[in-house]
C-alpha cells in the first residue's frame, strides 16, 4: 500500500435522534442524557451480524463527522482557561485529517436492524461506519495519564428546568424540533457563566441568559446543590420584529407569535 492509496468506507447505517445542530452535540458521550436509534441499512444481512451484541450494555460506534469538510493541525479545546493550541491528534476535535469519530454509548436494546442507544455525542443523520462491543477488561484503563487535560472531576453542574421552562421548551420542540432542554444541558453543564464561547449575558440580579438561535433561556445557579435552574424561555424578537409583513429570514416568526400568545399553564 502506497501513501496515495485510497480507502473507501461505506456507511452501514445512520443515527436517528432529536439533536440536529452542532451546538447540541455533547462534549463527550458520557456527558450526554439523550436517546436515539442507529438504523442499519437493509439488504446486507445485518440482522445476522448483530447476533450476540445484545449481551453487551455498551458499544463503540465508529462514525463520520458528516458536517465537517476541513481539518486543522492544531485546535483550541473548548476548556475554560485553556487558550493554548493543541495538536488535533491529541484531542477529540471533529476537525480531523479524516473526519472519523468514535463514541462509547449505552446499548438499550436491539430490534431487527435498529439499535436503541442512550448517552451519545452524535447528531441526527450521522453515518455509522462500524460497531464494536465495549469490553471492560481491554477497554477500561482508569489509571491512564490525562496528558494536557485538567482534572475536571466534580466540576459538572446539574441542569434542571422549572415547570414553566419545561412547558415552554416542549412547545418550541413540537413547533420546530429545536430541543432547548438538550441545548441547555450540553451548554450549561460546564462553565455555565463563561461567555468566552457561548452567548451568555449576566444580569444585575445574579441571573444569566443564554441565547440559542432566536430564543433566550433565563437561568440562575444554586451553588448549594451545584445546580443550574432554567426558569423561563423568551423570544429574542421584539414586537416590531414580529409585526405583520416583517422580514423572516429564519422562517420562524409565526412560531414566535404563537409562543407569545400561548397561555402556559405554569405561569
Protein backbone atom coordinates (compact mmCIF):
# COMPACT_ATOMS: atom_id res chain seq x y z
CA UNK A 1 0.00 0.00 0.00
CA UNK A 2 1.45 3.39 -1.01
CA UNK A 3 0.90 6.80 0.56
CA UNK A 4 -1.54 7.70 -2.21
CA UNK A 5 -3.78 4.67 -1.71
CA UNK A 6 -7.42 5.39 -1.01
CA UNK A 7 -9.65 3.51 1.42
CA UNK A 8 -13.35 3.61 0.61
CA UNK A 9 -15.77 3.35 3.52
CA UNK A 10 -19.49 2.85 3.12
CA UNK A 11 -21.92 3.67 5.95
CA UNK A 12 -23.62 0.64 7.43
CA UNK A 13 -26.36 2.79 8.93
CA UNK A 14 -27.33 6.20 10.29
CA UNK A 15 -28.13 7.76 13.63
CA UNK A 16 -31.72 8.94 14.15
CA UNK A 17 -32.23 11.33 17.05
CA UNK A 18 -33.56 14.74 18.00
CA UNK A 19 -30.19 16.52 18.00
CA UNK A 20 -29.61 18.08 14.59
CA UNK A 21 -27.32 21.07 15.18
CA UNK A 22 -23.62 21.23 16.05
CA UNK A 23 -24.25 23.09 19.30
CA UNK A 24 -26.48 20.23 20.50
CA UNK A 25 -23.62 17.72 20.43
CA UNK A 26 -22.28 16.97 23.94
CA UNK A 27 -18.55 17.37 24.52
CA UNK A 28 -18.38 13.64 25.25
CA UNK A 29 -20.93 10.84 25.15
CA UNK A 30 -20.58 10.24 28.89
CA UNK A 31 -21.87 13.79 29.49
CA UNK A 32 -25.00 13.29 27.38
CA UNK A 33 -28.52 12.48 28.52
CA UNK A 34 -30.33 11.52 25.33
CA UNK A 35 -31.94 8.68 23.41
CA UNK A 36 -31.74 7.68 19.79
CA UNK A 37 -31.57 4.86 17.27
CA UNK A 38 -28.89 3.53 14.98
CA UNK A 39 -30.73 2.17 11.97
CA UNK A 40 -28.63 -0.19 9.88
CA UNK A 41 -29.07 -0.48 6.13
CA UNK A 42 -31.27 -3.18 4.66
CA UNK A 43 -30.25 -5.91 2.22
CA UNK A 44 -26.89 -6.56 3.92
CA UNK A 45 -27.94 -9.29 6.40
CA UNK A 46 -27.02 -7.02 9.31
CA UNK A 47 -29.63 -8.85 11.37
CA UNK A 48 -27.24 -11.80 11.45
CA UNK A 49 -24.23 -9.52 12.05
CA UNK A 50 -25.90 -8.24 15.23
CA UNK A 51 -26.20 -11.71 16.75
CA UNK A 52 -24.99 -11.75 20.40
CA UNK A 53 -24.36 -7.98 20.54
CA UNK A 54 -27.34 -7.59 22.87
CA UNK A 55 -25.25 -9.24 25.60
CA UNK A 56 -23.23 -6.02 25.90
CA UNK A 57 -24.69 -2.90 27.51
CA UNK A 58 -22.13 -0.53 25.92
CA UNK A 59 -20.80 -0.41 22.37
CA UNK A 60 -18.20 1.51 20.40
CA UNK A 61 -19.66 3.37 17.43
CA UNK A 62 -17.26 4.43 14.67
CA UNK A 63 -18.81 7.24 12.67
CA UNK A 64 -18.15 10.10 10.24
CA UNK A 65 -18.30 13.80 11.13
CA UNK A 66 -20.61 14.45 8.20
CA UNK A 67 -20.96 18.21 8.81
CA UNK A 68 -17.22 18.91 8.58
CA UNK A 69 -15.33 19.50 5.35
CA UNK A 70 -11.93 20.66 6.60
CA UNK A 71 -9.35 19.89 9.26
CA UNK A 72 -6.89 21.84 11.40
CA UNK A 73 -3.44 20.61 12.53
CA UNK A 74 -3.88 22.48 15.82
CA UNK A 75 -7.09 23.34 17.65
CA UNK A 76 -8.10 25.17 20.82
CA UNK A 77 -10.02 22.74 23.04
CA UNK A 78 -13.27 24.18 24.50
CA UNK A 79 -12.00 24.35 28.08
CA UNK A 80 -12.03 27.48 30.21
CA UNK A 81 -8.55 28.83 30.79
CA UNK A 82 -7.06 26.65 28.06
CA UNK A 83 -6.10 29.06 25.28
CA UNK A 84 -3.08 27.11 24.04
CA UNK A 85 -3.49 25.41 20.70
CA UNK A 86 -3.13 21.64 20.90
CA UNK A 87 -2.30 19.14 18.17
CA UNK A 88 -5.56 17.82 16.78
CA UNK A 89 -4.40 14.21 17.18
CA UNK A 90 -4.10 14.85 20.93
CA UNK A 91 -7.77 15.92 21.09
CA UNK A 92 -11.26 14.66 20.28
CA UNK A 93 -11.89 17.60 17.93
CA UNK A 94 -14.17 16.84 14.95
CA UNK A 95 -11.81 18.81 12.64
CA UNK A 96 -9.59 15.85 11.75
CA UNK A 97 -7.50 14.81 8.70
CA UNK A 98 -10.05 12.05 8.18
CA UNK A 99 -13.45 13.00 9.63
CA UNK A 100 -13.77 9.92 11.82
CA UNK A 101 -15.21 9.83 15.31
CA UNK A 102 -15.76 7.14 17.90
CA UNK A 103 -18.19 7.08 20.76
CA UNK A 104 -18.81 4.64 23.59
CA UNK A 105 -22.59 4.61 24.05
CA UNK A 106 -25.15 2.70 26.08
CA UNK A 107 -26.96 -0.03 24.19
CA UNK A 108 -30.54 -0.36 25.44
CA UNK A 109 -31.95 -2.98 23.08
CA UNK A 110 -31.88 -4.30 19.53
CA UNK A 111 -34.95 -4.74 17.34
CA UNK A 112 -34.21 -6.07 13.87
CA UNK A 113 -31.76 -3.64 12.30
CA UNK A 114 -32.40 -0.92 14.90
CA UNK A 115 -30.10 -0.37 17.87
CA UNK A 116 -31.68 1.75 20.59
CA UNK A 117 -28.95 3.79 22.29
CA UNK A 118 -28.55 6.34 25.07
CA UNK A 119 -25.89 8.85 26.11
CA UNK A 120 -24.17 9.60 22.79
CA UNK A 121 -22.48 12.61 21.18
CA UNK A 122 -23.61 12.12 17.58
CA UNK A 123 -26.19 14.11 15.62
CA UNK A 124 -29.18 13.10 13.53
CA UNK A 125 -28.05 11.73 10.18
CA UNK A 126 -24.57 10.77 11.35
CA UNK A 127 -23.21 7.99 9.10
CA UNK A 128 -22.20 4.93 11.13
CA UNK A 129 -19.20 3.05 9.74
CA UNK A 130 -18.74 0.26 12.28
CA UNK A 131 -19.92 -1.05 15.64
CA UNK A 132 -17.87 -2.99 18.19
CA UNK A 133 -18.64 -4.22 21.71
CA UNK A 134 -17.20 -2.33 24.68
CA UNK A 135 -15.15 -4.84 26.68
CA UNK A 136 -14.28 -3.77 30.22
CA UNK A 137 -11.20 -5.99 30.51
CA UNK A 138 -9.48 -4.45 27.49
CA UNK A 139 -11.12 -1.05 27.07
CA UNK A 140 -11.05 0.36 30.62
CA UNK A 141 -7.85 1.98 31.90
CA UNK A 142 -8.90 4.16 34.88
CA UNK A 143 -5.28 4.88 35.90
CA UNK A 144 -4.20 6.14 32.47
CA UNK A 145 -2.44 9.55 32.38
CA UNK A 146 -4.55 12.60 31.49
CA UNK A 147 -1.99 14.29 29.25
CA UNK A 148 -2.75 18.00 28.86
CA UNK A 149 -6.29 17.63 30.26
CA UNK A 150 -7.03 19.30 33.62
CA UNK A 151 -8.75 17.41 36.42
CA UNK A 152 -12.43 18.28 35.93
CA UNK A 153 -13.85 15.87 38.48
CA UNK A 154 -16.71 17.46 40.39
CA UNK A 155 -16.95 20.44 38.00
CA UNK A 156 -20.07 19.33 36.16
CA UNK A 157 -23.28 21.22 37.01
CA UNK A 158 -26.67 19.56 37.11
CA UNK A 159 -29.18 21.36 34.86
CA UNK A 160 -32.86 21.49 35.80
CA UNK A 161 -35.88 23.12 34.17
CA UNK A 162 -38.67 24.82 36.08
CA UNK A 163 -42.20 23.61 35.20
CA UNK A 164 -42.70 26.79 33.13
CA UNK A 165 -39.42 26.44 31.23
CA UNK A 166 -40.09 22.75 30.60
CA UNK A 167 -43.55 23.53 29.23
CA UNK A 168 -42.18 26.28 27.01
CA UNK A 169 -39.35 24.06 25.75
CA UNK A 170 -41.85 21.33 24.86
CA UNK A 171 -43.95 23.88 22.92
CA UNK A 172 -40.91 25.03 20.93
CA UNK A 173 -39.72 21.49 20.26
CA UNK A 174 -43.16 20.50 18.97
CA UNK A 175 -43.22 23.60 16.76
CA UNK A 176 -39.81 23.41 15.10
CA UNK A 177 -37.85 20.46 16.51
CA UNK A 178 -35.40 22.61 18.47
CA UNK A 179 -34.75 20.92 21.84
CA UNK A 180 -33.76 23.67 24.26
CA UNK A 181 -33.58 21.28 27.20
CA UNK A 182 -30.83 19.29 25.49
CA UNK A 183 -29.14 22.51 24.39
CA UNK A 184 -29.01 23.81 27.97
CA UNK A 185 -27.78 20.53 29.40
CA UNK A 186 -24.95 20.47 26.87
CA UNK A 187 -24.01 24.14 27.15
CA UNK A 188 -24.51 24.77 30.87
CA UNK A 189 -23.20 21.57 32.46
CA UNK A 190 -19.69 23.00 32.17
CA UNK A 191 -18.59 26.64 32.59
CA UNK A 192 -22.18 27.95 32.78
CA UNK A 193 -21.07 31.55 33.44
CA UNK A 194 -18.38 31.93 30.79
CA UNK A 195 -19.27 33.95 27.70
CA UNK A 196 -15.97 33.10 26.02
CA UNK A 197 -17.53 30.51 23.69
CA UNK A 198 -21.26 30.91 24.42
CA UNK A 199 -23.86 33.63 24.03
CA UNK A 200 -24.22 34.23 27.77
CA UNK A 201 -25.20 37.51 29.44
CA UNK A 202 -25.27 38.19 33.20
CA UNK A 203 -27.94 40.46 34.67
CA UNK A 204 -27.70 42.69 37.76
CA UNK A 205 -29.64 40.28 39.99
CA UNK A 206 -27.34 37.28 39.88
CA UNK A 207 -29.14 35.65 36.96
CA UNK A 208 -27.97 34.76 33.49
CA UNK A 209 -29.31 34.39 29.97
CA UNK A 210 -28.09 32.09 27.22
CA UNK A 211 -29.17 32.58 23.62
CA UNK A 212 -29.91 29.78 21.19
CA UNK A 213 -30.82 30.83 17.67
CA UNK A 214 -33.77 33.22 18.12
CA UNK A 215 -34.58 32.18 21.71
CA UNK A 216 -33.20 33.09 25.12
CA UNK A 217 -33.22 30.92 28.25
CA UNK A 218 -33.08 32.62 31.66
CA UNK A 219 -31.28 30.68 34.39
CA UNK A 220 -29.66 31.07 37.77
CA UNK A 221 -27.20 28.99 39.82
CA UNK A 222 -27.95 27.12 43.01
CA UNK A 223 -24.45 26.90 44.45
CA UNK A 224 -25.57 24.80 47.39
CA UNK A 225 -26.71 21.97 45.11
CA UNK A 226 -24.20 22.78 42.34
CA UNK A 227 -27.20 23.07 40.03
CA UNK A 228 -28.35 25.36 37.22
CA UNK A 229 -32.07 26.14 37.13
CA UNK A 230 -33.54 27.26 33.82
CA UNK A 231 -36.52 29.37 34.83
CA UNK A 232 -38.06 30.74 31.64
CA UNK A 233 -37.68 30.92 27.86
CA UNK A 234 -38.22 34.13 25.94
CA UNK A 235 -38.39 35.15 22.30
CA UNK A 236 -35.47 37.21 21.04
CA UNK A 237 -37.78 39.08 18.69
CA UNK A 238 -39.20 42.47 19.60
CA UNK A 239 -42.82 43.41 18.95
CA UNK A 240 -41.64 45.37 15.92
CA UNK A 241 -39.74 42.33 14.63
CA UNK A 242 -42.96 40.30 14.81
CA UNK A 243 -45.23 42.79 13.09
CA UNK A 244 -47.16 41.54 10.08
CA UNK A 245 -45.08 41.65 6.92
CA UNK A 246 -41.71 41.89 8.72
CA UNK A 247 -38.79 40.10 7.10
CA UNK A 248 -38.48 36.49 8.32
CA UNK A 249 -35.02 35.29 7.32
CA UNK A 250 -35.14 32.28 9.67
CA UNK A 251 -38.73 31.38 8.76
CA UNK A 252 -39.70 31.05 12.43
CA UNK A 253 -41.60 34.21 13.33
CA UNK A 254 -45.03 32.59 13.18
CA UNK A 255 -43.90 30.15 15.88
CA UNK A 256 -42.70 33.08 17.99
CA UNK A 257 -46.07 34.80 17.56
CA UNK A 258 -47.86 31.63 18.70
CA UNK A 259 -45.41 31.32 21.61
CA UNK A 260 -46.14 34.87 22.75
CA UNK A 261 -49.90 34.23 22.55
CA UNK A 262 -49.72 30.88 24.34
CA UNK A 263 -51.15 30.77 27.85
CA UNK A 264 -48.68 28.49 29.54
CA UNK A 265 -50.26 26.65 32.46
CA UNK A 266 -47.17 27.00 34.64
CA UNK A 267 -47.29 30.81 34.62
